[in-house]
PDB file of all heavy atoms in Angstrom:
ATOM      1  N   PHE A   1      44.339  18.338  28.220  1.00  0.00           N
ATOM      2  CA  PHE A   1      43.360  19.133  28.965  1.00  0.00           C
ATOM      3  C   PHE A   1      43.035  18.478  30.296  1.00  0.00           C
ATOM      4  O   PHE A   1      43.082  19.112  31.351  1.00  0.00           O
ATOM      5  CB  PHE A   1      42.071  19.335  28.148  1.00  0.00           C
ATOM      6  CG  PHE A   1      40.888  19.710  28.999  1.00  0.00           C
ATOM      7  CD1 PHE A   1      40.776  20.988  29.533  1.00  0.00           C
ATOM      8  CD2 PHE A   1      39.907  18.779  29.292  1.00  0.00           C
ATOM      9  CE1 PHE A   1      39.694  21.330  30.336  1.00  0.00           C
ATOM     10  CE2 PHE A   1      38.818  19.104  30.097  1.00  0.00           C
ATOM     11  CZ  PHE A   1      38.711  20.387  30.620  1.00  0.00           C
ATOM     12  N   LEU A   2      42.687  17.189  30.249  1.00  0.00           N
ATOM     13  CA  LEU A   2      42.349  16.479  31.485  1.00  0.00           C
ATOM     14  C   LEU A   2      43.538  16.476  32.442  1.00  0.00           C
ATOM     15  O   LEU A   2      43.395  16.771  33.624  1.00  0.00           O
ATOM     16  CB  LEU A   2      41.912  15.042  31.176  1.00  0.00           C
ATOM     17  CG  LEU A   2      40.522  14.869  30.589  1.00  0.00           C
ATOM     18  CD1 LEU A   2      40.325  13.433  30.113  1.00  0.00           C
ATOM     19  CD2 LEU A   2      39.457  15.248  31.594  1.00  0.00           C
ATOM     20  N   ASP A   3      44.703  16.155  31.916  1.00  0.00           N
ATOM     21  CA  ASP A   3      45.904  16.045  32.739  1.00  0.00           C
ATOM     22  C   ASP A   3      46.230  17.366  33.434  1.00  0.00           C
ATOM     23  O   ASP A   3      46.483  17.400  34.633  1.00  0.00           O
ATOM     24  CB  ASP A   3      47.076  15.587  31.880  1.00  0.00           C
ATOM     25  CG  ASP A   3      48.242  15.115  32.705  1.00  0.00           C
ATOM     26  OD1 ASP A   3      48.135  14.022  33.284  1.00  0.00           O
ATOM     27  OD2 ASP A   3      49.240  15.838  32.774  1.00  0.00           O
ATOM     28  N   SER A   4      46.191  18.460  32.694  1.00  0.00           N
ATOM     29  CA  SER A   4      46.526  19.754  33.287  1.00  0.00           C
ATOM     30  C   SER A   4      45.457  20.204  34.280  1.00  0.00           C
ATOM     31  O   SER A   4      45.742  20.971  35.200  1.00  0.00           O
ATOM     32  CB  SER A   4      46.749  20.816  32.213  1.00  0.00           C
ATOM     33  OG  SER A   4      45.572  21.030  31.473  1.00  0.00           O
ATOM     34  N   SER A   5      44.220  19.714  34.115  1.00  0.00           N
ATOM     35  CA  SER A   5      43.145  20.039  35.049  1.00  0.00           C
ATOM     36  C   SER A   5      43.228  19.220  36.332  1.00  0.00           C
ATOM     37  O   SER A   5      42.660  19.609  37.349  1.00  0.00           O
ATOM     38  CB  SER A   5      41.781  19.792  34.395  1.00  0.00           C
ATOM     39  OG  SER A   5      41.625  20.554  33.239  1.00  0.00           O
ATOM     40  N   LEU A   6      43.931  18.092  36.275  1.00  0.00           N
ATOM     41  CA  LEU A   6      43.905  17.142  37.384  1.00  0.00           C
ATOM     42  C   LEU A   6      45.181  17.076  38.221  1.00  0.00           C
ATOM     43  O   LEU A   6      45.121  16.775  39.406  1.00  0.00           O
ATOM     44  CB  LEU A   6      43.609  15.736  36.841  1.00  0.00           C
ATOM     45  CG  LEU A   6      42.208  15.533  36.287  1.00  0.00           C
ATOM     46  CD1 LEU A   6      42.128  14.254  35.474  1.00  0.00           C
ATOM     47  CD2 LEU A   6      41.197  15.511  37.418  1.00  0.00           C
ATOM     48  N   PHE A   7      46.340  17.312  37.616  1.00  0.00           N
ATOM     49  CA  PHE A   7      47.590  17.016  38.298  1.00  0.00           C
ATOM     50  C   PHE A   7      48.516  18.217  38.376  1.00  0.00           C
ATOM     51  O   PHE A   7      48.587  19.017  37.449  1.00  0.00           O
ATOM     52  CB  PHE A   7      48.318  15.856  37.596  1.00  0.00           C
ATOM     53  CG  PHE A   7      47.500  14.598  37.543  1.00  0.00           C
ATOM     54  CD1 PHE A   7      46.933  14.178  36.343  1.00  0.00           C
ATOM     55  CD2 PHE A   7      47.287  13.842  38.679  1.00  0.00           C
ATOM     56  CE1 PHE A   7      46.173  13.018  36.284  1.00  0.00           C
ATOM     57  CE2 PHE A   7      46.522  12.682  38.630  1.00  0.00           C
ATOM     58  CZ  PHE A   7      45.968  12.266  37.438  1.00  0.00           C
ATOM     59  N   LYS A   8      49.250  18.308  39.490  1.00  0.00           N
ATOM     60  CA  LYS A   8      50.263  19.358  39.653  1.00  0.00           C
ATOM     61  C   LYS A   8      51.341  19.228  38.592  1.00  0.00           C
ATOM     62  O   LYS A   8      51.746  20.203  37.978  1.00  0.00           O
ATOM     63  CB  LYS A   8      50.937  19.255  41.027  1.00  0.00           C
ATOM     64  CG  LYS A   8      50.123  19.756  42.178  1.00  0.00           C
ATOM     65  CD  LYS A   8      50.952  19.663  43.462  1.00  0.00           C
ATOM     66  CE  LYS A   8      50.148  20.047  44.673  1.00  0.00           C
ATOM     67  NZ  LYS A   8      50.934  19.934  45.903  1.00  0.00           N
ATOM     68  N   GLU A   9      51.845  18.025  38.425  1.00  0.00           N
ATOM     69  CA  GLU A   9      52.854  17.739  37.402  1.00  0.00           C
ATOM     70  C   GLU A   9      52.147  17.063  36.244  1.00  0.00           C
ATOM     71  O   GLU A   9      51.818  15.890  36.314  1.00  0.00           O
ATOM     72  CB  GLU A   9      53.943  16.820  37.968  1.00  0.00           C
ATOM     73  CG  GLU A   9      54.790  17.458  39.036  1.00  0.00           C
ATOM     74  CD  GLU A   9      55.840  16.513  39.587  1.00  0.00           C
ATOM     75  OE1 GLU A   9      56.114  15.470  38.964  1.00  0.00           O
ATOM     76  OE2 GLU A   9      56.373  16.820  40.657  1.00  0.00           O
ATOM     77  N   HIS A  10      51.888  17.828  35.203  1.00  0.00           N
ATOM     78  CA  HIS A  10      51.138  17.231  34.097  1.00  0.00           C
ATOM     79  C   HIS A  10      52.022  17.040  32.869  1.00  0.00           C
ATOM     80  O   HIS A  10      53.051  17.669  32.724  1.00  0.00           O
ATOM     81  CB  HIS A  10      49.899  18.064  33.758  1.00  0.00           C
ATOM     82  CG  HIS A  10      50.157  19.517  33.572  1.00  0.00           C
ATOM     83  ND1 HIS A  10      50.148  20.418  34.603  1.00  0.00           N
ATOM     84  CD2 HIS A  10      50.462  20.215  32.466  1.00  0.00           C
ATOM     85  CE1 HIS A  10      50.418  21.611  34.146  1.00  0.00           C
ATOM     86  NE2 HIS A  10      50.619  21.526  32.852  1.00  0.00           N
ATOM     87  N   TRP A  11      51.546  16.123  32.044  1.00  0.00           N
ATOM     88  CA  TRP A  11      52.255  15.783  30.825  1.00  0.00           C
ATOM     89  C   TRP A  11      51.838  16.743  29.711  1.00  0.00           C
ATOM     90  O   TRP A  11      50.722  17.255  29.695  1.00  0.00           O
ATOM     91  CB  TRP A  11      51.938  14.362  30.398  1.00  0.00           C
ATOM     92  CG  TRP A  11      52.529  13.305  31.272  1.00  0.00           C
ATOM     93  CD1 TRP A  11      53.288  13.471  32.390  1.00  0.00           C
ATOM     94  CD2 TRP A  11      52.388  11.904  31.097  1.00  0.00           C
ATOM     95  NE1 TRP A  11      53.631  12.254  32.909  1.00  0.00           N
ATOM     96  CE2 TRP A  11      53.092  11.271  32.137  1.00  0.00           C
ATOM     97  CE3 TRP A  11      51.740  11.111  30.159  1.00  0.00           C
ATOM     98  CZ2 TRP A  11      53.165   9.896  32.267  1.00  0.00           C
ATOM     99  CZ3 TRP A  11      51.807   9.740  30.291  1.00  0.00           C
ATOM    100  CH2 TRP A  11      52.522   9.146  31.327  1.00  0.00           C
ATOM    101  N   THR A  12      52.716  16.900  28.747  1.00  0.00           N
ATOM    102  CA  THR A  12      52.411  17.709  27.576  1.00  0.00           C
ATOM    103  C   THR A  12      51.717  16.840  26.528  1.00  0.00           C
ATOM    104  O   THR A  12      51.666  15.610  26.640  1.00  0.00           O
ATOM    105  CB  THR A  12      53.704  18.282  26.965  1.00  0.00           C
ATOM    106  OG1 THR A  12      54.497  17.182  26.495  1.00  0.00           O
ATOM    107  CG2 THR A  12      54.485  19.102  27.982  1.00  0.00           C
ATOM    108  N   LYS A  13      51.236  17.508  25.506  1.00  0.00           N
ATOM    109  CA  LYS A  13      50.634  16.791  24.376  1.00  0.00           C
ATOM    110  C   LYS A  13      51.654  15.810  23.783  1.00  0.00           C
ATOM    111  O   LYS A  13      51.327  14.678  23.435  1.00  0.00           O
ATOM    112  CB  LYS A  13      50.188  17.815  23.342  1.00  0.00           C
ATOM    113  CG  LYS A  13      49.297  17.310  22.266  1.00  0.00           C
ATOM    114  CD  LYS A  13      48.820  18.481  21.406  1.00  0.00           C
ATOM    115  CE  LYS A  13      47.935  18.008  20.305  1.00  0.00           C
ATOM    116  NZ  LYS A  13      47.448  19.128  19.487  1.00  0.00           N
ATOM    117  N   GLN A  14      52.915  16.243  23.715  1.00  0.00           N
ATOM    118  CA  GLN A  14      53.978  15.386  23.181  1.00  0.00           C
ATOM    119  C   GLN A  14      54.205  14.163  24.069  1.00  0.00           C
ATOM    120  O   GLN A  14      54.441  13.063  23.566  1.00  0.00           O
ATOM    121  CB  GLN A  14      55.283  16.174  23.019  1.00  0.00           C
ATOM    122  CG  GLN A  14      56.379  15.368  22.319  1.00  0.00           C
ATOM    123  CD  GLN A  14      55.999  14.955  20.902  1.00  0.00           C
ATOM    124  OE1 GLN A  14      55.531  15.781  20.113  1.00  0.00           O
ATOM    125  NE2 GLN A  14      56.176  13.689  20.569  1.00  0.00           N
ATOM    126  N   ASN A  15      54.133  14.346  25.393  1.00  0.00           N
ATOM    127  CA  ASN A  15      54.283  13.211  26.302  1.00  0.00           C
ATOM    128  C   ASN A  15      53.236  12.139  25.999  1.00  0.00           C
ATOM    129  O   ASN A  15      53.541  10.944  26.004  1.00  0.00           O
ATOM    130  CB  ASN A  15      54.146  13.635  27.766  1.00  0.00           C
ATOM    131  CG  ASN A  15      55.261  14.504  28.266  1.00  0.00           C
ATOM    132  OD1 ASN A  15      55.021  15.514  28.919  1.00  0.00           O
ATOM    133  ND2 ASN A  15      56.499  14.149  27.969  1.00  0.00           N
ATOM    134  N   TYR A  16      52.004  12.574  25.739  1.00  0.00           N
ATOM    135  CA  TYR A  16      50.947  11.605  25.437  1.00  0.00           C
ATOM    136  C   TYR A  16      51.141  10.965  24.067  1.00  0.00           C
ATOM    137  O   TYR A  16      50.870   9.777  23.899  1.00  0.00           O
ATOM    138  CB  TYR A  16      49.555  12.235  25.576  1.00  0.00           C
ATOM    139  CG  TYR A  16      49.135  12.265  27.020  1.00  0.00           C
ATOM    140  CD1 TYR A  16      49.174  13.436  27.751  1.00  0.00           C
ATOM    141  CD2 TYR A  16      48.751  11.097  27.668  1.00  0.00           C
ATOM    142  CE1 TYR A  16      48.828  13.449  29.085  1.00  0.00           C
ATOM    143  CE2 TYR A  16      48.408  11.096  29.007  1.00  0.00           C
ATOM    144  CZ  TYR A  16      48.453  12.276  29.703  1.00  0.00           C
ATOM    145  OH  TYR A  16      48.120  12.280  31.029  1.00  0.00           O
ATOM    146  N   LYS A  17      51.606  11.727  23.105  1.00  0.00           N
ATOM    147  CA  LYS A  17      51.915  11.130  21.792  1.00  0.00           C
ATOM    148  C   LYS A  17      52.975  10.055  21.959  1.00  0.00           C
ATOM    149  O   LYS A  17      52.854   8.950  21.413  1.00  0.00           O
ATOM    150  CB  LYS A  17      52.404  12.208  20.820  1.00  0.00           C
ATOM    151  CG  LYS A  17      51.321  13.023  20.203  1.00  0.00           C
ATOM    152  CD  LYS A  17      51.900  13.975  19.169  1.00  0.00           C
ATOM    153  CE  LYS A  17      50.817  14.834  18.576  1.00  0.00           C
ATOM    154  NZ  LYS A  17      51.335  15.801  17.612  1.00  0.00           N
ATOM    155  N   ASP A  18      54.019  10.381  22.712  1.00  0.00           N
ATOM    156  CA  ASP A  18      55.086   9.402  22.956  1.00  0.00           C
ATOM    157  C   ASP A  18      54.537   8.176  23.684  1.00  0.00           C
ATOM    158  O   ASP A  18      54.885   7.040  23.342  1.00  0.00           O
ATOM    159  CB  ASP A  18      56.219  10.031  23.774  1.00  0.00           C
ATOM    160  CG  ASP A  18      56.980  11.090  23.000  1.00  0.00           C
ATOM    161  OD1 ASP A  18      56.823  11.177  21.760  1.00  0.00           O
ATOM    162  OD2 ASP A  18      57.731  11.845  23.643  1.00  0.00           O
ATOM    163  N   GLU A  19      53.684   8.403  24.670  1.00  0.00           N
ATOM    164  CA  GLU A  19      53.111   7.296  25.430  1.00  0.00           C
ATOM    165  C   GLU A  19      52.358   6.340  24.506  1.00  0.00           C
ATOM    166  O   GLU A  19      52.519   5.128  24.580  1.00  0.00           O
ATOM    167  CB  GLU A  19      52.176   7.847  26.516  1.00  0.00           C
ATOM    168  CG  GLU A  19      51.492   6.802  27.347  1.00  0.00           C
ATOM    169  CD  GLU A  19      52.338   6.209  28.457  1.00  0.00           C
ATOM    170  OE1 GLU A  19      53.578   6.398  28.462  1.00  0.00           O
ATOM    171  OE2 GLU A  19      51.776   5.530  29.323  1.00  0.00           O
ATOM    172  N   LEU A  20      51.566   6.901  23.619  1.00  0.00           N
ATOM    173  CA  LEU A  20      50.737   6.068  22.754  1.00  0.00           C
ATOM    174  C   LEU A  20      51.494   5.489  21.560  1.00  0.00           C
ATOM    175  O   LEU A  20      51.198   4.384  21.123  1.00  0.00           O
ATOM    176  CB  LEU A  20      49.530   6.865  22.270  1.00  0.00           C
ATOM    177  CG  LEU A  20      48.517   7.185  23.368  1.00  0.00           C
ATOM    178  CD1 LEU A  20      47.493   8.190  22.872  1.00  0.00           C
ATOM    179  CD2 LEU A  20      47.837   5.920  23.864  1.00  0.00           C
ATOM    180  N   LEU A  21      52.464   6.224  21.047  1.00  0.00           N
ATOM    181  CA  LEU A  21      53.174   5.762  19.852  1.00  0.00           C
ATOM    182  C   LEU A  21      54.431   4.960  20.160  1.00  0.00           C
ATOM    183  O   LEU A  21      54.794   4.064  19.396  1.00  0.00           O
ATOM    184  CB  LEU A  21      53.543   6.957  18.965  1.00  0.00           C
ATOM    185  CG  LEU A  21      52.358   7.741  18.404  1.00  0.00           C
ATOM    186  CD1 LEU A  21      52.838   8.972  17.644  1.00  0.00           C
ATOM    187  CD2 LEU A  21      51.499   6.859  17.505  1.00  0.00           C
ATOM    188  N   LEU A  22      55.103   5.274  21.252  1.00  0.00           N
ATOM    189  CA  LEU A  22      56.390   4.639  21.543  1.00  0.00           C
ATOM    190  C   LEU A  22      56.317   3.543  22.610  1.00  0.00           C
ATOM    191  O   LEU A  22      57.235   2.748  22.734  1.00  0.00           O
ATOM    192  CB  LEU A  22      57.419   5.699  21.967  1.00  0.00           C
ATOM    193  CG  LEU A  22      57.666   6.821  20.957  1.00  0.00           C
ATOM    194  CD1 LEU A  22      58.656   7.840  21.506  1.00  0.00           C
ATOM    195  CD2 LEU A  22      58.160   6.249  19.629  1.00  0.00           C
ATOM    196  N   ASN A  23      55.263   3.543  23.403  1.00  0.00           N
ATOM    197  CA  ASN A  23      55.122   2.529  24.443  1.00  0.00           C
ATOM    198  C   ASN A  23      54.084   1.502  23.994  1.00  0.00           C
ATOM    199  O   ASN A  23      52.880   1.751  24.087  1.00  0.00           O
ATOM    200  CB  ASN A  23      54.699   3.172  25.766  1.00  0.00           C
ATOM    201  CG  ASN A  23      54.593   2.162  26.892  1.00  0.00           C
ATOM    202  OD1 ASN A  23      54.659   0.956  26.675  1.00  0.00           O
ATOM    203  ND2 ASN A  23      54.410   2.653  28.103  1.00  0.00           N
ATOM    204  N   PRO A  24      54.521   0.360  23.494  1.00  0.00           N
ATOM    205  CA  PRO A  24      53.572  -0.622  22.964  1.00  0.00           C
ATOM    206  C   PRO A  24      52.676  -1.239  24.042  1.00  0.00           C
ATOM    207  O   PRO A  24      51.683  -1.881  23.717  1.00  0.00           O
ATOM    208  CB  PRO A  24      54.476  -1.686  22.336  1.00  0.00           C
ATOM    209  CG  PRO A  24      55.767  -1.565  23.068  1.00  0.00           C
ATOM    210  CD  PRO A  24      55.908  -0.110  23.425  1.00  0.00           C
ATOM    211  N   PHE A  25      52.997  -1.018  25.304  1.00  0.00           N
ATOM    212  CA  PHE A  25      52.212  -1.603  26.390  1.00  0.00           C
ATOM    213  C   PHE A  25      51.155  -0.643  26.937  1.00  0.00           C
ATOM    214  O   PHE A  25      50.291  -1.036  27.702  1.00  0.00           O
ATOM    215  CB  PHE A  25      53.136  -2.037  27.531  1.00  0.00           C
ATOM    216  CG  PHE A  25      54.205  -2.993  27.083  1.00  0.00           C
ATOM    217  CD1 PHE A  25      55.515  -2.572  26.961  1.00  0.00           C
ATOM    218  CD2 PHE A  25      53.908  -4.302  26.766  1.00  0.00           C
ATOM    219  CE1 PHE A  25      56.509  -3.435  26.528  1.00  0.00           C
ATOM    220  CE2 PHE A  25      54.880  -5.181  26.327  1.00  0.00           C
ATOM    221  CZ  PHE A  25      56.190  -4.742  26.213  1.00  0.00           C
ATOM    222  N   ALA A  26      51.232   0.625  26.571  1.00  0.00           N
ATOM    223  CA  ALA A  26      50.336   1.638  27.124  1.00  0.00           C
ATOM    224  C   ALA A  26      48.930   1.529  26.547  1.00  0.00           C
ATOM    225  O   ALA A  26      48.743   1.286  25.356  1.00  0.00           O
ATOM    226  CB  ALA A  26      50.896   3.027  26.866  1.00  0.00           C
ATOM    227  N   LYS A  27      47.962   1.728  27.432  1.00  0.00           N
ATOM    228  CA  LYS A  27      46.560   1.807  27.035  1.00  0.00           C
ATOM    229  C   LYS A  27      45.950   2.974  27.788  1.00  0.00           C
ATOM    230  O   LYS A  27      46.264   3.198  28.961  1.00  0.00           O
ATOM    231  CB  LYS A  27      45.803   0.527  27.389  1.00  0.00           C
ATOM    232  CG  LYS A  27      46.240  -0.679  26.610  1.00  0.00           C
ATOM    233  CD  LYS A  27      45.408  -1.878  26.962  1.00  0.00           C
ATOM    234  CE  LYS A  27      45.919  -3.093  26.203  1.00  0.00           C
ATOM    235  NZ  LYS A  27      45.142  -4.286  26.494  1.00  0.00           N
ATOM    236  N   ILE A  28      45.078   3.700  27.114  1.00  0.00           N
ATOM    237  CA  ILE A  28      44.403   4.830  27.742  1.00  0.00           C
ATOM    238  C   ILE A  28      42.911   4.735  27.444  1.00  0.00           C
ATOM    239  O   ILE A  28      42.516   4.544  26.290  1.00  0.00           O
ATOM    240  CB  ILE A  28      44.954   6.180  27.234  1.00  0.00           C
ATOM    241  CG1 ILE A  28      46.438   6.308  27.595  1.00  0.00           C
ATOM    242  CG2 ILE A  28      44.160   7.352  27.811  1.00  0.00           C
ATOM    243  CD1 ILE A  28      47.117   7.545  27.050  1.00  0.00           C
ATOM    244  N   PHE A  29      42.106   4.862  28.495  1.00  0.00           N
ATOM    245  CA  PHE A  29      40.660   4.927  28.347  1.00  0.00           C
ATOM    246  C   PHE A  29      40.197   6.277  28.867  1.00  0.00           C
ATOM    247  O   PHE A  29      40.613   6.701  29.942  1.00  0.00           O
ATOM    248  CB  PHE A  29      39.959   3.814  29.129  1.00  0.00           C
ATOM    249  CG  PHE A  29      40.303   2.431  28.666  1.00  0.00           C
ATOM    250  CD1 PHE A  29      40.765   1.494  29.562  1.00  0.00           C
ATOM    251  CD2 PHE A  29      40.160   2.067  27.338  1.00  0.00           C
ATOM    252  CE1 PHE A  29      41.084   0.212  29.146  1.00  0.00           C
ATOM    253  CE2 PHE A  29      40.484   0.780  26.916  1.00  0.00           C
ATOM    254  CZ  PHE A  29      40.941  -0.152  27.825  1.00  0.00           C
ATOM    255  N   ILE A  30      39.332   6.928  28.109  1.00  0.00           N
ATOM    256  CA  ILE A  30      38.766   8.218  28.496  1.00  0.00           C
ATOM    257  C   ILE A  30      37.280   8.012  28.783  1.00  0.00           C
ATOM    258  O   ILE A  30      36.584   7.330  28.027  1.00  0.00           O
ATOM    259  CB  ILE A  30      38.954   9.266  27.378  1.00  0.00           C
ATOM    260  CG1 ILE A  30      40.439   9.441  27.076  1.00  0.00           C
ATOM    261  CG2 ILE A  30      38.320  10.603  27.780  1.00  0.00           C
ATOM    262  CD1 ILE A  30      40.727  10.308  25.856  1.00  0.00           C
ATOM    263  N   TYR A  31      36.808   8.603  29.879  1.00  0.00           N
ATOM    264  CA  TYR A  31      35.403   8.501  30.263  1.00  0.00           C
ATOM    265  C   TYR A  31      34.703   9.806  29.877  1.00  0.00           C
ATOM    266  O   TYR A  31      35.175  10.895  30.210  1.00  0.00           O
ATOM    267  CB  TYR A  31      35.275   8.253  31.766  1.00  0.00           C
ATOM    268  CG  TYR A  31      33.896   7.838  32.182  1.00  0.00           C
ATOM    269  CD1 TYR A  31      33.566   6.490  32.276  1.00  0.00           C
ATOM    270  CD2 TYR A  31      32.922   8.778  32.476  1.00  0.00           C
ATOM    271  CE1 TYR A  31      32.293   6.092  32.661  1.00  0.00           C
ATOM    272  CE2 TYR A  31      31.647   8.394  32.854  1.00  0.00           C
ATOM    273  CZ  TYR A  31      31.337   7.057  32.935  1.00  0.00           C
ATOM    274  OH  TYR A  31      30.064   6.666  33.306  1.00  0.00           O
ATOM    275  N   TYR A  32      33.586   9.679  29.173  1.00  0.00           N
ATOM    276  CA  TYR A  32      32.827  10.843  28.712  1.00  0.00           C
ATOM    277  C   TYR A  32      31.462  10.894  29.389  1.00  0.00           C
ATOM    278  O   TYR A  32      30.838   9.865  29.618  1.00  0.00           O
ATOM    279  CB  TYR A  32      32.597  10.765  27.200  1.00  0.00           C
ATOM    280  CG  TYR A  32      33.848  10.936  26.378  1.00  0.00           C
ATOM    281  CD1 TYR A  32      34.676   9.855  26.092  1.00  0.00           C
ATOM    282  CD2 TYR A  32      34.204  12.186  25.879  1.00  0.00           C
ATOM    283  CE1 TYR A  32      35.825  10.020  25.335  1.00  0.00           C
ATOM    284  CE2 TYR A  32      35.351  12.356  25.117  1.00  0.00           C
ATOM    285  CZ  TYR A  32      36.155  11.267  24.851  1.00  0.00           C
ATOM    286  OH  TYR A  32      37.297  11.429  24.105  1.00  0.00           O
ATOM    287  N   VAL A  33      31.023  12.109  29.672  1.00  0.00           N
ATOM    288  CA  VAL A  33      29.652  12.358  30.117  1.00  0.00           C
ATOM    289  C   VAL A  33      29.091  13.390  29.152  1.00  0.00           C
ATOM    290  O   VAL A  33      29.640  14.493  29.026  1.00  0.00           O
ATOM    291  CB  VAL A  33      29.601  12.884  31.571  1.00  0.00           C
ATOM    292  CG1 VAL A  33      28.187  13.305  31.943  1.00  0.00           C
ATOM    293  CG2 VAL A  33      30.132  11.840  32.550  1.00  0.00           C
ATOM    294  N   ASP A  34      28.016  13.029  28.450  1.00  0.00           N
ATOM    295  CA  ASP A  34      27.416  13.929  27.456  1.00  0.00           C
ATOM    296  C   ASP A  34      28.466  14.474  26.487  1.00  0.00           C
ATOM    297  O   ASP A  34      28.547  15.687  26.254  1.00  0.00           O
ATOM    298  CB  ASP A  34      26.674  15.079  28.138  1.00  0.00           C
ATOM    299  CG  ASP A  34      25.533  14.591  29.014  1.00  0.00           C
ATOM    300  OD1 ASP A  34      24.912  13.574  28.657  1.00  0.00           O
ATOM    301  OD2 ASP A  34      25.274  15.220  30.054  1.00  0.00           O
ATOM    302  N   ASP A  35      29.285  13.602  25.954  1.00  0.00           N
ATOM    303  CA  ASP A  35      30.336  13.943  24.977  1.00  0.00           C
ATOM    304  C   ASP A  35      31.447  14.822  25.544  1.00  0.00           C
ATOM    305  O   ASP A  35      32.275  15.332  24.800  1.00  0.00           O
ATOM    306  CB  ASP A  35      29.745  14.618  23.726  1.00  0.00           C
ATOM    307  CG  ASP A  35      28.837  13.674  22.956  1.00  0.00           C
ATOM    308  OD1 ASP A  35      29.123  12.460  22.926  1.00  0.00           O
ATOM    309  OD2 ASP A  35      27.840  14.151  22.383  1.00  0.00           O
ATOM    310  N   LYS A  36      31.481  15.007  26.859  1.00  0.00           N
ATOM    311  CA  LYS A  36      32.541  15.796  27.497  1.00  0.00           C
ATOM    312  C   LYS A  36      33.500  14.837  28.199  1.00  0.00           C
ATOM    313  O   LYS A  36      33.066  14.006  29.001  1.00  0.00           O
ATOM    314  CB  LYS A  36      31.939  16.760  28.519  1.00  0.00           C
ATOM    315  CG  LYS A  36      32.990  17.562  29.276  1.00  0.00           C
ATOM    316  CD  LYS A  36      32.382  18.441  30.349  1.00  0.00           C
ATOM    317  CE  LYS A  36      33.491  19.151  31.090  1.00  0.00           C
ATOM    318  NZ  LYS A  36      32.996  20.017  32.148  1.00  0.00           N
ATOM    319  N   PRO A  37      34.801  14.944  27.914  1.00  0.00           N
ATOM    320  CA  PRO A  37      35.761  14.081  28.628  1.00  0.00           C
ATOM    321  C   PRO A  37      35.892  14.537  30.075  1.00  0.00           C
ATOM    322  O   PRO A  37      36.155  15.708  30.340  1.00  0.00           O
ATOM    323  CB  PRO A  37      37.068  14.295  27.857  1.00  0.00           C
ATOM    324  CG  PRO A  37      36.927  15.651  27.240  1.00  0.00           C
ATOM    325  CD  PRO A  37      35.459  15.847  26.975  1.00  0.00           C
ATOM    326  N   VAL A  38      35.654  13.606  31.011  1.00  0.00           N
ATOM    327  CA  VAL A  38      35.679  13.975  32.429  1.00  0.00           C
ATOM    328  C   VAL A  38      36.679  13.164  33.254  1.00  0.00           C
ATOM    329  O   VAL A  38      36.927  13.483  34.416  1.00  0.00           O
ATOM    330  CB  VAL A  38      34.272  13.890  33.070  1.00  0.00           C
ATOM    331  CG1 VAL A  38      33.306  14.838  32.356  1.00  0.00           C
ATOM    332  CG2 VAL A  38      33.744  12.471  33.067  1.00  0.00           C
ATOM    333  N   GLY A  39      37.231  12.114  32.669  1.00  0.00           N
ATOM    334  CA  GLY A  39      38.195  11.300  33.399  1.00  0.00           C
ATOM    335  C   GLY A  39      38.927  10.370  32.459  1.00  0.00           C
ATOM    336  O   GLY A  39      38.520  10.180  31.311  1.00  0.00           O
ATOM    337  N   TYR A  40      40.027   9.820  32.985  1.00  0.00           N
ATOM    338  CA  TYR A  40      40.779   8.878  32.162  1.00  0.00           C
ATOM    339  C   TYR A  40      41.695   8.021  33.031  1.00  0.00           C
ATOM    340  O   TYR A  40      41.949   8.323  34.192  1.00  0.00           O
ATOM    341  CB  TYR A  40      41.585   9.597  31.085  1.00  0.00           C
ATOM    342  CG  TYR A  40      42.850  10.274  31.565  1.00  0.00           C
ATOM    343  CD1 TYR A  40      44.101   9.753  31.266  1.00  0.00           C
ATOM    344  CD2 TYR A  40      42.798  11.444  32.312  1.00  0.00           C
ATOM    345  CE1 TYR A  40      45.260  10.375  31.694  1.00  0.00           C
ATOM    346  CE2 TYR A  40      43.943  12.078  32.737  1.00  0.00           C
ATOM    347  CZ  TYR A  40      45.175  11.534  32.433  1.00  0.00           C
ATOM    348  OH  TYR A  40      46.321  12.142  32.861  1.00  0.00           O
ATOM    349  N   ILE A  41      42.140   6.939  32.423  1.00  0.00           N
ATOM    350  CA  ILE A  41      43.133   6.065  33.041  1.00  0.00           C
ATOM    351  C   ILE A  41      44.174   5.727  31.972  1.00  0.00           C
ATOM    352  O   ILE A  41      43.828   5.450  30.825  1.00  0.00           O
ATOM    353  CB  ILE A  41      42.495   4.794  33.646  1.00  0.00           C
ATOM    354  CG1 ILE A  41      43.527   3.990  34.437  1.00  0.00           C
ATOM    355  CG2 ILE A  41      41.821   3.945  32.578  1.00  0.00           C
ATOM    356  CD1 ILE A  41      42.915   2.899  35.307  1.00  0.00           C
ATOM    357  N   ASP A  42      45.427   5.814  32.369  1.00  0.00           N
ATOM    358  CA  ASP A  42      46.567   5.482  31.513  1.00  0.00           C
ATOM    359  C   ASP A  42      47.318   4.380  32.265  1.00  0.00           C
ATOM    360  O   ASP A  42      47.731   4.582  33.405  1.00  0.00           O
ATOM    361  CB  ASP A  42      47.441   6.724  31.319  1.00  0.00           C
ATOM    362  CG  ASP A  42      48.725   6.459  30.545  1.00  0.00           C
ATOM    363  OD1 ASP A  42      48.976   5.314  30.147  1.00  0.00           O
ATOM    364  OD2 ASP A  42      49.487   7.425  30.358  1.00  0.00           O
ATOM    365  N   PHE A  43      47.464   3.222  31.634  1.00  0.00           N
ATOM    366  CA  PHE A  43      48.094   2.094  32.306  1.00  0.00           C
ATOM    367  C   PHE A  43      48.852   1.236  31.308  1.00  0.00           C
ATOM    368  O   PHE A  43      48.724   1.418  30.096  1.00  0.00           O
ATOM    369  CB  PHE A  43      47.047   1.246  33.040  1.00  0.00           C
ATOM    370  CG  PHE A  43      46.115   0.498  32.123  1.00  0.00           C
ATOM    371  CD1 PHE A  43      46.332  -0.843  31.833  1.00  0.00           C
ATOM    372  CD2 PHE A  43      45.023   1.131  31.549  1.00  0.00           C
ATOM    373  CE1 PHE A  43      45.479  -1.534  30.990  1.00  0.00           C
ATOM    374  CE2 PHE A  43      44.160   0.450  30.702  1.00  0.00           C
ATOM    375  CZ  PHE A  43      44.392  -0.879  30.430  1.00  0.00           C
ATOM    376  N   MET A  44      49.629   0.333  31.834  1.00  0.00           N
ATOM    377  CA  MET A  44      50.307  -0.640  30.980  1.00  0.00           C
ATOM    378  C   MET A  44      50.388  -1.972  31.712  1.00  0.00           C
ATOM    379  O   MET A  44      50.293  -2.034  32.931  1.00  0.00           O
ATOM    380  CB  MET A  44      51.686  -0.142  30.569  1.00  0.00           C
ATOM    381  CG  MET A  44      52.678   0.013  31.677  1.00  0.00           C
ATOM    382  SD  MET A  44      54.229   0.624  31.011  1.00  0.00           S
ATOM    383  CE  MET A  44      54.543   1.942  32.159  1.00  0.00           C
TER     384      MET A  44
END
């Protein structure tokens, strides 16, 4: 949801599953405001 709202070229749900399950170096933090996800960072 965040990715498709933010970027022209966005990743699919599967891309994120692969990122988290197959890339042992990947970390993702999501920022919430009032329980609503409003931002994130994906890094390694």
